[in-house]
Amino acid sequence: MAGITNWKYLRNILTTDITTTGVFIIWFADYHAIPFMLLAKLFRKPVVVHIGGYEVYNAQEINYGNQRKLIRGYLSRWVIGNATTNVVMSRAYCDITRNIVPQSVVEVIPGCIDTRFCDLPPLPKSGAVTAYCTNSTYELKGLHIFDWVSECLPMLKKIKNAPHQQMMHEFRTAKVYCQLSYTESFGVSLLEAMSCGCVPVVTDRDALPEVVGDTGVIVPYEDVVGTVEAIKKALAMSGEPARDRARTFTVELRMKDMNKMLKRIAEVNQ
């Protein structure tokens, strides 16, 4: 099995006996995957491509997604169409991928978190939080919505570029976690917040309802009034159902599903 994530790994694969390599694994269906797809084809090896989400999306209004670009979008579709199997983390993105490359083989293997946080002693909770990483994700993560809502609910708090330990502490002391994104292919931060007992408030976009299930409140994207009411409702809810749901997204289960898929592919391609 060869795991390929960037151009710098080209030397590694060229110095490996790739004629005996079982399965190529490539992270992200983008232009960097092209040389490794060609190598896999040359040596007739199966290829598993992990799709992050950006590669298959087209959101002109927020300037997000490879599919809004002519050449880069085509390259992503070529990679997806030539992969033995494409792995996505949600049914929503399975549908999106098959919509842009109908002949593609796509398998859903949900993401995972460190579920040990589910069993930490509870801390006093109050207010609501949301988290994001960079200014470039401001509209993607729906931070403008959060800002609008904050004018009505001053107890809201944004976490920006916080170390993971600090972020988890914020989650443990927050009653509600808001993920008001335009789109998500899964939602690891959301799931981590749920593992800390936060009641999730999310938009009705793509993978978010799949992660939350019936443990939180789902609102239409950019519905400010609806989001305010949803947060008020969530503040009165228990976070234990969300914590229990988070317990099911284990690293062990994802590894088991991945290994099962890789074994099946290797057996078929012997």
Protein backbone atom coordinates (compact mmCIF):
# COMPACT_ATOMS: atom_id res chain seq x y z
CA MET A 1 0.00 0.00 0.00
CA ALA A 2 1.42 3.39 -0.94
CA GLY A 3 0.06 6.55 0.66
CA ILE A 4 0.65 9.63 -1.51
CA THR A 5 -0.19 13.14 -0.36
CA ASN A 6 2.05 15.59 -2.26
CA TRP A 7 4.71 16.08 -4.92
CA LYS A 8 7.51 15.73 -2.35
CA TYR A 9 6.61 12.04 -2.07
CA LEU A 10 7.45 11.37 -5.72
CA ARG A 11 11.00 10.40 -4.67
CA ASN A 12 9.60 7.91 -2.16
CA ILE A 13 7.46 6.11 -4.68
CA LEU A 14 10.21 6.05 -7.31
CA THR A 15 12.58 4.41 -4.79
CA THR A 16 9.95 1.86 -3.75
CA ASP A 17 9.33 -1.43 -5.52
CA ILE A 18 6.00 -0.25 -6.88
CA THR A 19 5.71 -3.34 -9.06
CA THR A 20 4.76 -5.23 -5.89
CA THR A 21 2.79 -2.46 -4.22
CA GLY A 22 -0.76 -3.63 -3.47
CA VAL A 23 -2.88 -0.45 -3.56
CA PHE A 24 -2.06 3.17 -4.21
CA ILE A 25 -3.78 5.55 -1.78
CA ILE A 26 -3.97 9.18 -2.86
CA TRP A 27 -5.28 11.98 -0.68
CA PHE A 28 -7.41 14.47 -2.62
CA ALA A 29 -8.50 14.26 -6.25
CA ASP A 30 -6.49 17.25 -7.43
CA TYR A 31 -3.73 17.96 -9.95
CA HIS A 32 -0.99 16.57 -7.67
CA ALA A 33 -2.58 13.12 -8.02
CA ILE A 34 -2.00 12.93 -11.80
CA PRO A 35 1.58 11.50 -11.85
CA PHE A 36 0.69 8.85 -9.30
CA MET A 37 -2.45 7.87 -11.17
CA LEU A 38 -0.30 7.42 -14.29
CA LEU A 39 2.23 5.31 -12.37
CA ALA A 40 -0.57 3.15 -11.01
CA LYS A 41 -1.93 2.65 -14.52
CA LEU A 42 1.56 1.83 -15.83
CA PHE A 43 1.99 -0.94 -13.25
CA ARG A 44 -1.69 -1.92 -13.35
CA LYS A 45 -2.25 -1.23 -9.67
CA PRO A 46 -5.58 -0.29 -8.06
CA VAL A 47 -5.96 3.25 -6.76
CA VAL A 48 -8.01 4.54 -3.81
CA VAL A 49 -8.60 8.30 -3.85
CA HIS A 50 -9.75 10.15 -0.74
CA ILE A 51 -11.98 13.10 -1.64
CA GLY A 52 -11.81 16.01 0.79
CA GLY A 53 -14.73 17.94 -0.68
CA TYR A 54 -13.16 20.96 -2.38
CA GLU A 55 -12.34 18.88 -5.47
CA VAL A 56 -15.97 18.10 -6.32
CA TYR A 57 -17.71 21.33 -5.30
CA ASN A 58 -18.84 24.33 -7.34
CA ALA A 59 -19.89 27.39 -5.34
CA GLN A 60 -19.27 30.45 -7.48
CA GLU A 61 -20.89 32.78 -4.94
CA ILE A 62 -18.24 32.09 -2.29
CA ASN A 63 -15.41 31.25 -4.72
CA TYR A 64 -15.13 27.69 -3.46
CA GLY A 65 -14.49 24.40 -5.21
CA ASN A 66 -12.42 22.96 -8.05
CA GLN A 67 -15.46 22.53 -10.25
CA ARG A 68 -15.73 26.27 -10.79
CA LYS A 69 -12.38 26.08 -12.63
CA LEU A 70 -12.19 24.73 -16.19
CA ILE A 71 -8.85 22.89 -16.20
CA ARG A 72 -8.50 22.07 -12.51
CA GLY A 73 -12.08 20.84 -12.40
CA TYR A 74 -11.45 18.57 -15.39
CA LEU A 75 -8.30 17.15 -13.74
CA SER A 76 -10.25 16.35 -10.58
CA ARG A 77 -12.95 14.60 -12.60
CA TRP A 78 -10.28 12.62 -14.50
CA VAL A 79 -8.70 11.42 -11.25
CA ILE A 80 -12.08 10.45 -9.80
CA GLY A 81 -13.17 8.68 -12.99
CA ASN A 82 -9.95 6.65 -13.19
CA ALA A 83 -9.73 5.65 -9.53
CA THR A 84 -10.56 2.10 -8.56
CA THR A 85 -12.54 3.48 -5.62
CA ASN A 86 -13.14 6.99 -4.30
CA VAL A 87 -13.67 7.43 -0.56
CA VAL A 88 -15.89 10.17 0.84
CA MET A 89 -17.01 10.76 4.43
CA SER A 90 -20.73 11.38 3.86
CA ARG A 91 -23.65 10.28 1.71
CA ALA A 92 -24.15 13.89 0.65
CA TYR A 93 -20.70 14.05 -0.91
CA CYS A 94 -21.15 10.62 -2.42
CA ASP A 95 -24.11 12.05 -4.34
CA ILE A 96 -22.15 15.19 -5.29
CA THR A 97 -19.24 13.10 -6.58
CA ARG A 98 -21.46 10.80 -8.62
CA ASN A 99 -23.27 13.80 -10.03
CA ILE A 100 -20.09 15.25 -11.57
CA VAL A 101 -18.59 11.84 -12.54
CA PRO A 102 -21.52 9.44 -13.03
CA GLN A 103 -19.31 6.43 -13.81
CA SER A 104 -17.23 6.81 -10.64
CA VAL A 105 -17.05 4.18 -7.91
CA VAL A 106 -17.65 5.89 -4.57
CA GLU A 107 -17.66 4.43 -1.06
CA VAL A 108 -18.76 6.21 2.11
CA ILE A 109 -16.50 5.76 5.13
CA PRO A 110 -17.39 8.33 7.81
CA GLY A 111 -14.75 10.39 9.56
CA CYS A 112 -13.70 9.83 13.15
CA ILE A 113 -12.50 11.58 16.30
CA ASP A 114 -10.75 10.74 19.55
CA THR A 115 -13.80 9.58 21.48
CA ARG A 116 -12.00 9.71 24.83
CA PHE A 117 -13.40 13.23 25.24
CA CYS A 118 -16.87 11.67 25.47
CA ASP A 119 -16.01 10.25 28.88
CA LEU A 120 -14.26 13.21 30.52
CA PRO A 121 -15.90 14.61 33.68
CA PRO A 122 -18.43 17.34 32.83
CA LEU A 123 -17.61 21.02 33.35
CA PRO A 124 -20.07 23.87 34.05
CA LYS A 125 -21.57 24.94 30.71
CA SER A 126 -23.03 28.18 29.36
CA GLY A 127 -23.38 30.10 26.11
CA ALA A 128 -22.66 29.05 22.54
CA VAL A 129 -19.50 28.93 20.44
CA THR A 130 -18.34 28.43 16.88
CA ALA A 131 -14.83 27.79 15.58
CA TYR A 132 -12.87 28.49 12.41
CA CYS A 133 -9.29 28.45 11.20
CA THR A 134 -8.52 31.24 8.75
CA ASN A 135 -10.06 34.35 7.23
CA SER A 136 -10.28 32.54 3.89
CA THR A 137 -12.94 30.23 5.35
CA TYR A 138 -15.09 33.07 6.69
CA GLU A 139 -17.99 32.71 4.24
CA LEU A 140 -17.55 28.96 3.82
CA LYS A 141 -17.98 28.43 7.57
CA GLY A 142 -20.89 30.88 7.79
CA LEU A 143 -19.11 33.25 10.15
CA HIS A 144 -21.05 36.19 8.70
CA ILE A 145 -24.25 34.48 9.85
CA PHE A 146 -22.77 33.93 13.29
CA ASP A 147 -21.88 37.65 13.46
CA TRP A 148 -25.43 38.65 12.54
CA VAL A 149 -26.87 36.26 15.13
CA SER A 150 -24.43 37.58 17.76
CA GLU A 151 -26.15 40.95 17.62
CA CYS A 152 -29.22 39.28 19.09
CA LEU A 153 -27.43 36.78 21.34
CA PRO A 154 -24.38 38.39 22.99
CA MET A 155 -23.41 35.16 24.77
CA LEU A 156 -22.03 33.77 21.50
CA LYS A 157 -18.27 33.34 21.14
CA LYS A 158 -15.96 32.73 18.16
CA ILE A 159 -12.82 30.61 18.48
CA LYS A 160 -10.15 31.45 15.90
CA ASN A 161 -6.87 29.62 15.32
CA ALA A 162 -6.91 28.14 18.82
CA PRO A 163 -4.60 25.23 19.75
CA HIS A 164 -6.52 21.98 19.86
CA GLN A 165 -6.33 21.65 23.64
CA GLN A 166 -7.77 25.14 24.12
CA MET A 167 -10.50 24.49 21.57
CA MET A 168 -11.56 21.31 23.33
CA HIS A 169 -11.69 23.20 26.65
CA GLU A 170 -13.96 25.78 25.01
CA PHE A 171 -16.19 22.97 23.80
CA ARG A 172 -16.32 21.41 27.26
CA THR A 173 -17.53 24.69 28.79
CA ALA A 174 -19.99 25.63 26.02
CA LYS A 175 -23.62 24.58 26.01
CA VAL A 176 -24.13 24.92 22.25
CA TYR A 177 -21.88 24.60 19.21
CA CYS A 178 -22.82 26.33 15.94
CA GLN A 179 -21.67 25.10 12.54
CA LEU A 180 -23.41 27.44 10.10
CA SER A 181 -21.41 26.43 7.02
CA TYR A 182 -22.27 26.82 3.36
CA THR A 183 -21.12 23.22 2.93
CA GLU A 184 -19.25 20.50 4.83
CA SER A 185 -18.09 17.12 3.56
CA PHE A 186 -18.18 15.85 7.15
CA GLY A 187 -17.46 18.06 10.19
CA VAL A 188 -14.71 16.93 12.57
CA SER A 189 -14.88 20.08 14.75
CA LEU A 190 -18.65 19.63 14.98
CA LEU A 191 -18.22 16.04 16.10
CA GLU A 192 -15.55 17.01 18.64
CA ALA A 193 -17.90 19.61 20.09
CA MET A 194 -20.64 16.97 20.31
CA SER A 195 -18.21 14.65 22.11
CA CYS A 196 -17.87 17.36 24.77
CA GLY A 197 -21.64 17.52 25.27
CA CYS A 198 -22.38 20.57 23.12
CA VAL A 199 -25.83 20.66 21.55
CA PRO A 200 -25.20 21.22 17.82
CA VAL A 201 -26.92 23.91 15.77
CA VAL A 202 -26.13 23.38 12.09
CA THR A 203 -27.31 24.43 8.66
CA ASP A 204 -29.21 22.06 6.40
CA ARG A 205 -26.28 21.83 3.98
CA ASP A 206 -24.74 18.60 2.72
CA ALA A 207 -23.11 16.41 5.41
CA LEU A 208 -24.03 18.42 8.51
CA PRO A 209 -27.47 16.84 9.11
CA GLU A 210 -25.87 13.39 8.70
CA VAL A 211 -23.38 14.05 11.48
CA VAL A 212 -25.91 15.60 13.86
CA GLY A 213 -28.79 13.19 13.33
CA ASP A 214 -31.59 14.03 15.77
CA THR A 215 -29.30 15.30 18.54
CA GLY A 216 -29.41 19.01 17.70
CA VAL A 217 -31.22 21.68 15.71
CA ILE A 218 -30.99 22.09 11.93
CA VAL A 219 -31.73 25.45 10.29
CA PRO A 220 -31.80 26.76 6.70
CA TYR A 221 -28.56 28.37 5.58
CA GLU A 222 -28.47 32.16 6.17
CA ASP A 223 -31.78 32.11 8.08
CA VAL A 224 -30.77 34.54 10.82
CA VAL A 225 -34.10 34.59 12.65
CA GLY A 226 -34.35 30.81 12.48
CA THR A 227 -30.79 30.46 13.77
CA VAL A 228 -31.46 32.74 16.74
CA GLU A 229 -34.48 30.64 17.68
CA ALA A 230 -32.52 27.42 17.11
CA ILE A 231 -29.78 28.51 19.51
CA LYS A 232 -32.34 29.48 22.14
CA LYS A 233 -33.93 26.06 21.76
CA ALA A 234 -30.55 24.30 21.93
CA LEU A 235 -29.63 26.13 25.14
CA ALA A 236 -32.53 24.34 26.81
CA MET A 237 -31.61 20.88 25.44
CA SER A 238 -29.40 18.17 26.89
CA GLY A 239 -26.04 17.52 25.23
CA GLU A 240 -25.97 13.86 26.23
CA PRO A 241 -27.63 12.57 23.01
CA ALA A 242 -24.98 14.44 20.99
CA ARG A 243 -22.23 12.97 23.18
CA ASP A 244 -23.65 9.47 22.73
CA ARG A 245 -23.79 9.92 18.95
CA ALA A 246 -20.19 11.14 18.88
CA ARG A 247 -19.12 7.90 20.59
CA THR A 248 -20.05 5.96 17.43
CA PHE A 249 -17.48 7.76 15.20
CA THR A 250 -14.42 5.91 16.44
CA VAL A 251 -10.96 5.65 14.92
CA GLU A 252 -11.20 1.88 15.26
CA LEU A 253 -14.41 1.70 13.22
CA ARG A 254 -12.97 3.85 10.43
CA MET A 255 -9.81 1.72 10.33
CA LYS A 256 -11.92 -1.43 10.20
CA ASP A 257 -13.96 -0.11 7.27
CA MET A 258 -10.82 1.06 5.45
CA ASN A 259 -9.06 -2.26 5.93
CA LYS A 260 -12.12 -4.16 4.76
CA MET A 261 -12.29 -2.05 1.59
CA LEU A 262 -8.55 -2.36 0.87
CA LYS A 263 -8.63 -6.13 1.38
CA ARG A 264 -11.55 -6.44 -1.01
CA ILE A 265 -9.81 -4.34 -3.66
CA ALA A 266 -6.53 -6.25 -3.28
CA GLU A 267 -8.30 -9.62 -3.64
CA VAL A 268 -10.14 -8.52 -6.78
CA ASN A 269 -6.92 -7.20 -8.34
CA GLN A 270 -4.62 -10.13 -7.52
